[in-house]
Every structure is written in structure tokens, then in C-alpha cells.
Amino acid sequence: MTSRFFIGEGYASYQGPSADNSLHRHAAYQVTAAVEGEVTVIDERGACHRGPALIIPPMVRHRMPGTPDVRIWFVEPQCSDASTLRDRCTPASDRLSTGSGLSAAGGSSPNGSGLPPTVGSGFPSVGGVITAAADLHALREEDFRLVAEPRPSRALDPRLVIAMEALTSRNLLVADAAAQAGLSPQRLRALARLQLGMPLARWRIWRRLTRAARALADGRSITEAALDGGFADQAHFHRQLRDMLGLTPATVLPLLRRSAAGGHVDGDRAGQPRAAT
């Protein structure tokens, strides 16, 4: 069986084996689904979360025990309708509104979403809690392409969107991006924490990792990819990737070599480092 890793605009997907990795935290929503049975995720307090599919919010530290075959999707928090995942991970007492978008069956609900948001069990953290989501077990990659399409979520303040687009397209200081959006740097950082569920600096690191991963897929060396992504050097890239994904560049490199088919990155499961988060 082959492992597959794909990086899209605003999302990424992986299918293959999962190694028992170290505690880490993403700057994106993660949906993890078992190919067979259930997946297990362990949070930083040692609590086990199990189910056919789980949603892990941004900045929630966790690790995943070894699994023979798993499907994982990452959706960046600024993407269209990513607020649906946030609502599903937010305790009911803290929820201000419900989002719309993600559904495994293409159904509808009164607020326009595929299925009504649900709340699972877990420990509170910035951006929500690890949440069981059995209805997402049958999600396909095309479902995530719809949810994570490049247009920003309507739930985001337009000024935050302007600043994020400026930070993505140019190597600006936060103060310069804030000025373009008509905000002070302090207000921009506060807005990012409120609406993205994470510090703006963490989101920038995630975007840099995405750029570096694309460079690796295009055949660049690890050192070249680190510089392309905006990291100071290979060691900096290594530290940030391990902190965000629990993996190293050398581990993910075999899965990030471009395949001949449609930009997907395939790797033979046998004889490759196990990769997943």
C-alpha cells in the first residue's frame, strides 16, 4: 500500500501509517480518521481520546500512538468555513455562533452546515478541545478542498485578512502588515489570538513550513527548502517542524517528492520512514 501526502492552498492531507511521535501542536485544525476501527490521540495531560474520527484544534499539544493506516487532514484557521471546525471543538458555554460547511455526506442543517456542530470530550485549550467526530470518518479529500478553498473565512475581521495576506505574500514585519490593515501591532496580535485561536507568530511559522514543504516536494534540498520557507537555516527549520508536527525534515522528505500524478506526493510504505502526526 502507498502513503500519500498532498499540500493544497490552505489545507494538506495525508494517508498512511502513523509512527508514535512526540508531543506537538499545529497551527491548523487537524481531522484524523481511522481507515479501520478507531484512532487514538493522547493529549498533554495523558488523557486518551478515541473514535472513528477526531478533531484536534490549533495549539492543542498531543501525540498519536503508532497506527497502521490513518487519514489526516489539516485545515488552516483562516480558510473558508474553518469556523465550523472551531465551533465543533468549542465548549457549548463558550460558543458564540455556529459556522457552516463541513459534512461527510453533503447534507444540510438549519444554519447551512452539513451537520450541526457537536461537542466532544477533552481538556479546554486555546481554540477548543479534542473532539470526537464520527460523522467525519467518511470525508473525502474533495470535501476538504471545498472547506479549505483559498477565500478567507467570512468570520474573520477584514483587517486581519488584509494583514495575513500581506504577511503571506511579502516578508514584512508585523508592524508593517498592521499598518497596511489600519491597526496597531498590539491590536493585530490580539485580533489574531481571538479569531485564529493562536498567536500570529505561530500562524506565520505554519505558513513558512508550508512553503518549505512545497520546496521539498519540488526537489529542493532541505537547506534550500529552509531558506525558501523563510527560516534562518536548516536547524531552525528542523526545530520548528518538530515542534509543529513531531517530525523532522528528513522524515517527511520521502513523502514530499512530487509524483507524476496530479501533484500528489506518493511514497511506498515499505522501506520508508513512517510519517504522520
Protein backbone atom coordinates (compact mmCIF):
# COMPACT_ATOMS: atom_id res chain seq x y z
CA MET A 1 0.00 0.00 0.00
CA THR A 2 1.20 3.52 -0.74
CA SER A 3 1.34 6.51 1.57
CA ARG A 4 0.16 9.82 0.17
CA PHE A 5 0.78 13.40 1.18
CA PHE A 6 -0.70 16.42 -0.59
CA ILE A 7 -0.31 20.13 0.11
CA GLY A 8 -3.08 22.37 -1.18
CA GLU A 9 -3.81 26.05 -0.72
CA GLY A 10 -4.99 26.29 2.87
CA TYR A 11 -5.03 22.57 3.59
CA ALA A 12 -2.97 19.40 3.48
CA SER A 13 -3.87 15.71 3.52
CA TYR A 14 -2.04 12.52 4.39
CA GLN A 15 -2.90 8.83 4.28
CA GLY A 16 -0.57 6.13 5.50
CA PRO A 17 0.99 4.74 8.68
CA SER A 18 1.46 6.81 11.80
CA ALA A 19 4.53 6.49 14.00
CA ASP A 20 4.37 7.01 17.77
CA ASN A 21 5.51 10.65 17.77
CA SER A 22 6.36 13.26 20.38
CA LEU A 23 4.01 15.89 21.79
CA HIS A 24 3.48 18.68 19.30
CA ARG A 25 0.89 21.28 18.33
CA HIS A 26 -0.29 22.52 14.96
CA ALA A 27 -1.28 25.96 13.75
CA ALA A 28 -4.17 24.36 11.85
CA TYR A 29 -7.22 22.25 12.57
CA GLN A 30 -6.47 18.55 12.26
CA VAL A 31 -9.08 15.92 11.43
CA THR A 32 -7.75 12.40 11.97
CA ALA A 33 -9.80 9.41 10.78
CA ALA A 34 -9.16 5.70 11.12
CA VAL A 35 -9.16 3.64 7.94
CA GLU A 36 -10.41 0.76 10.09
CA GLY A 37 -11.63 0.85 13.67
CA GLU A 38 -10.69 3.89 15.77
CA VAL A 39 -7.85 6.36 16.08
CA THR A 40 -6.24 7.28 19.39
CA VAL A 41 -4.80 10.68 20.31
CA ILE A 42 -3.16 11.41 23.66
CA ASP A 43 -3.18 14.97 24.97
CA GLU A 44 -0.52 16.63 27.09
CA ARG A 45 -2.24 15.55 30.30
CA GLY A 46 -2.06 11.91 29.26
CA ALA A 47 -5.80 11.55 28.54
CA CYS A 48 -6.66 9.23 25.64
CA HIS A 49 -9.21 10.33 23.05
CA ARG A 50 -10.60 7.61 20.78
CA GLY A 51 -13.10 7.44 17.95
CA PRO A 52 -13.56 6.75 14.23
CA ALA A 53 -12.53 10.39 13.68
CA LEU A 54 -11.24 13.18 15.93
CA ILE A 55 -10.86 16.94 15.50
CA ILE A 56 -7.76 18.48 17.08
CA PRO A 57 -7.88 22.28 17.33
CA PRO A 58 -4.87 24.51 16.72
CA MET A 59 -2.31 24.81 19.51
CA VAL A 60 -3.53 21.74 21.41
CA ARG A 61 -0.49 19.67 22.33
CA HIS A 62 -0.94 15.98 21.53
CA ARG A 63 0.68 12.86 20.17
CA MET A 64 -0.59 9.87 18.21
CA PRO A 65 0.45 6.29 19.00
CA GLY A 66 1.55 4.14 16.07
CA THR A 67 -1.30 3.24 13.71
CA PRO A 68 -1.05 1.01 10.60
CA ASP A 69 -3.17 3.26 8.41
CA VAL A 70 -4.75 6.64 9.09
CA ARG A 71 -6.18 9.58 7.16
CA ILE A 72 -5.24 13.09 8.32
CA TRP A 73 -6.38 16.47 7.05
CA PHE A 74 -5.11 19.89 8.11
CA VAL A 75 -7.25 22.99 7.55
CA GLU A 76 -5.72 26.38 8.19
CA PRO A 77 -7.81 28.51 10.57
CA GLN A 78 -8.22 31.43 8.16
CA CYS A 79 -9.81 29.28 5.44
CA SER A 80 -13.38 29.45 4.27
CA ASP A 81 -15.72 27.78 6.75
CA ALA A 82 -12.94 26.64 9.08
CA SER A 83 -15.16 28.21 11.73
CA THR A 84 -17.28 25.04 11.55
CA LEU A 85 -14.42 23.03 12.99
CA ARG A 86 -13.85 25.67 15.65
CA ASP A 87 -17.50 25.56 16.67
CA ARG A 88 -17.41 21.79 16.97
CA CYS A 89 -14.37 21.99 19.26
CA THR A 90 -15.62 24.85 21.41
CA PRO A 91 -17.46 24.01 24.64
CA ALA A 92 -21.12 25.00 24.41
CA SER A 93 -20.73 27.52 27.22
CA ASP A 94 -18.06 29.36 25.22
CA ARG A 95 -19.67 29.16 21.79
CA LEU A 96 -20.90 32.46 20.39
CA SER A 97 -22.07 31.26 17.00
CA THR A 98 -22.15 28.26 14.72
CA GLY A 99 -20.36 28.01 11.42
CA SER A 100 -21.18 26.31 8.17
CA GLY A 101 -19.52 23.99 5.78
CA LEU A 102 -18.01 20.61 6.56
CA SER A 103 -20.05 17.46 6.00
CA ALA A 104 -19.19 13.93 5.04
CA ALA A 105 -22.50 13.35 3.31
CA GLY A 106 -23.19 16.74 1.76
CA GLY A 107 -26.28 17.22 3.91
CA SER A 108 -27.63 20.41 5.35
CA SER A 109 -28.72 21.88 8.65
CA PRO A 110 -30.73 24.98 9.59
CA ASN A 111 -27.59 27.14 9.61
CA GLY A 112 -26.38 25.82 6.25
CA SER A 113 -23.76 23.41 7.57
CA GLY A 114 -23.59 19.77 6.62
CA LEU A 115 -24.17 18.60 10.18
CA PRO A 116 -24.87 20.52 13.37
CA PRO A 117 -21.77 21.26 15.42
CA THR A 118 -21.20 18.84 18.29
CA VAL A 119 -19.08 19.00 21.38
CA GLY A 120 -16.84 16.12 22.38
CA SER A 121 -14.82 15.49 25.49
CA GLY A 122 -11.39 16.82 26.25
CA PHE A 123 -9.44 19.40 28.18
CA PRO A 124 -10.02 23.06 27.42
CA SER A 125 -7.24 24.79 25.50
CA VAL A 126 -6.80 27.82 23.29
CA GLY A 127 -9.15 27.32 20.35
CA GLY A 128 -11.09 24.37 21.78
CA VAL A 129 -10.77 20.75 22.86
CA ILE A 130 -10.05 17.46 21.15
CA THR A 131 -13.46 16.37 19.90
CA ALA A 132 -14.92 13.10 18.66
CA ALA A 133 -16.45 13.46 15.19
CA ALA A 134 -17.63 10.07 13.95
CA ASP A 135 -19.62 11.71 11.14
CA LEU A 136 -16.36 12.94 9.56
CA HIS A 137 -14.94 9.42 9.23
CA ALA A 138 -16.08 9.13 5.60
CA LEU A 139 -14.75 12.52 4.49
CA ARG A 140 -13.01 12.61 1.15
CA GLU A 141 -10.22 14.89 0.01
CA GLU A 142 -12.59 16.78 -2.27
CA ASP A 143 -14.72 17.66 0.77
CA PHE A 144 -11.73 19.36 2.32
CA ARG A 145 -10.91 21.16 -0.89
CA LEU A 146 -14.32 22.81 -0.65
CA VAL A 147 -13.91 23.71 3.01
CA ALA A 148 -10.34 24.97 2.67
CA GLU A 149 -10.69 26.90 -0.57
CA PRO A 150 -8.42 29.94 -0.70
CA ARG A 151 -11.04 32.57 0.07
CA PRO A 152 -10.84 33.61 3.73
CA SER A 153 -13.46 32.72 6.27
CA ARG A 154 -16.31 35.21 6.47
CA ALA A 155 -15.93 35.05 10.25
CA LEU A 156 -12.58 36.86 10.12
CA ASP A 157 -12.24 40.59 10.56
CA PRO A 158 -11.37 42.05 7.10
CA ARG A 159 -8.45 43.92 8.64
CA LEU A 160 -6.97 40.64 9.90
CA VAL A 161 -7.38 39.16 6.42
CA ILE A 162 -5.51 42.13 4.88
CA ALA A 163 -2.65 41.74 7.35
CA MET A 164 -2.43 37.96 6.86
CA GLU A 165 -2.37 38.32 3.09
CA ALA A 166 0.40 40.91 3.39
CA LEU A 167 2.43 38.64 5.67
CA THR A 168 1.97 35.71 3.30
CA SER A 169 2.87 37.48 0.07
CA ARG A 170 5.78 39.57 1.37
CA ASN A 171 8.40 39.18 4.06
CA LEU A 172 7.03 42.03 6.16
CA LEU A 173 7.38 42.88 9.79
CA VAL A 174 4.17 42.52 11.79
CA ALA A 175 4.20 46.27 12.40
CA ASP A 176 4.23 46.93 8.64
CA ALA A 177 1.37 44.47 8.00
CA ALA A 178 -0.62 46.03 10.85
CA ALA A 179 -0.14 49.49 9.35
CA GLN A 180 -1.45 48.27 5.99
CA ALA A 181 -4.54 46.96 7.76
CA GLY A 182 -5.05 50.17 9.74
CA LEU A 183 -4.27 48.52 13.08
CA SER A 184 -1.63 48.85 15.73
CA PRO A 185 0.67 45.81 16.09
CA GLN A 186 -0.82 45.11 19.51
CA ARG A 187 -4.38 45.17 18.16
CA LEU A 188 -3.44 42.93 15.24
CA ARG A 189 -1.87 40.35 17.57
CA ALA A 190 -4.91 40.44 19.85
CA LEU A 191 -7.26 40.03 16.88
CA ALA A 192 -5.29 37.01 15.66
CA ARG A 193 -5.46 35.35 19.07
CA LEU A 194 -9.19 35.98 19.25
CA GLN A 195 -10.16 34.87 15.75
CA LEU A 196 -7.47 32.31 14.85
CA GLY A 197 -7.08 30.82 18.31
CA MET A 198 -3.30 31.25 18.29
CA PRO A 199 -0.57 33.87 18.29
CA LEU A 200 0.05 35.41 14.90
CA ALA A 201 3.70 34.30 15.13
CA ARG A 202 2.63 30.64 15.26
CA TRP A 203 0.46 31.06 12.18
CA ARG A 204 3.41 32.62 10.34
CA ILE A 205 5.62 29.65 11.23
CA TRP A 206 2.98 27.26 9.89
CA ARG A 207 2.85 29.17 6.60
CA ARG A 208 6.63 29.08 6.38
CA LEU A 209 6.58 25.33 6.96
CA THR A 210 4.06 25.02 4.14
CA ARG A 211 6.32 26.93 1.77
CA ALA A 212 9.32 24.84 2.80
CA ALA A 213 7.35 21.62 2.29
CA ARG A 214 6.39 22.70 -1.21
CA ALA A 215 10.06 23.40 -1.94
CA LEU A 216 10.99 19.90 -0.74
CA ALA A 217 8.29 18.43 -2.96
CA ASP A 218 9.75 20.34 -5.89
CA GLY A 219 13.14 18.71 -5.38
CA ARG A 220 14.95 21.35 -3.35
CA SER A 221 17.40 20.19 -0.68
CA ILE A 222 16.49 20.55 2.99
CA THR A 223 18.83 23.53 3.32
CA GLU A 224 17.37 25.20 0.23
CA ALA A 225 13.81 24.49 1.37
CA ALA A 226 14.55 26.01 4.78
CA LEU A 227 15.69 29.25 3.15
CA ASP A 228 12.78 29.22 0.68
CA GLY A 229 10.40 28.91 3.63
CA GLY A 230 11.92 31.89 5.39
CA PHE A 231 13.83 30.04 8.11
CA ALA A 232 17.24 31.19 9.23
CA ASP A 233 18.87 27.85 8.45
CA GLN A 234 18.29 24.10 8.35
CA ALA A 235 18.47 23.79 12.14
CA HIS A 236 15.75 26.41 12.55
CA PHE A 237 13.56 24.53 10.05
CA HIS A 238 14.22 21.26 11.89
CA ARG A 239 13.22 22.71 15.28
CA GLN A 240 10.02 24.33 14.04
CA LEU A 241 8.88 21.28 12.06
CA ARG A 242 9.44 19.01 15.03
CA ASP A 243 7.54 21.38 17.31
CA MET A 244 4.61 21.72 14.89
CA LEU A 245 4.37 18.15 13.56
CA GLY A 246 6.51 15.99 15.82
CA LEU A 247 8.62 15.11 12.76
CA THR A 248 11.90 16.13 11.13
CA PRO A 249 12.58 17.26 7.55
CA ALA A 250 14.45 14.03 6.84
CA THR A 251 11.39 12.03 7.91
CA VAL A 252 8.91 13.83 5.69
CA LEU A 253 11.23 14.29 2.73
CA PRO A 254 10.44 10.91 1.05
CA LEU A 255 6.71 11.74 1.10
CA LEU A 256 7.22 15.22 -0.29
CA ARG A 257 8.84 14.27 -3.58
CA ARG A 258 6.48 15.12 -6.34
CA SER A 259 4.82 12.14 -8.03
CA ALA A 260 3.82 12.01 -11.65
CA ALA A 261 0.12 12.11 -10.86
CA GLY A 262 -1.60 15.43 -10.34
CA GLY A 263 0.79 16.98 -7.86
CA HIS A 264 0.11 14.31 -5.23
CA VAL A 265 3.15 13.07 -3.40
CA ASP A 266 3.24 9.30 -3.08
CA GLY A 267 5.68 7.04 -1.33
CA ASP A 268 6.00 3.30 -0.98
CA ARG A 269 5.07 2.34 2.54
CA ALA A 270 7.69 -0.36 2.66
CA GLY A 271 11.21 0.92 3.21
CA GLN A 272 10.17 4.48 4.04
CA PRO A 273 10.25 6.34 7.33
CA ARG A 274 6.80 6.27 8.87
CA ALA A 275 5.21 9.68 8.65
CA ALA A 276 2.11 11.16 10.18
CA THR A 277 1.21 13.42 13.06
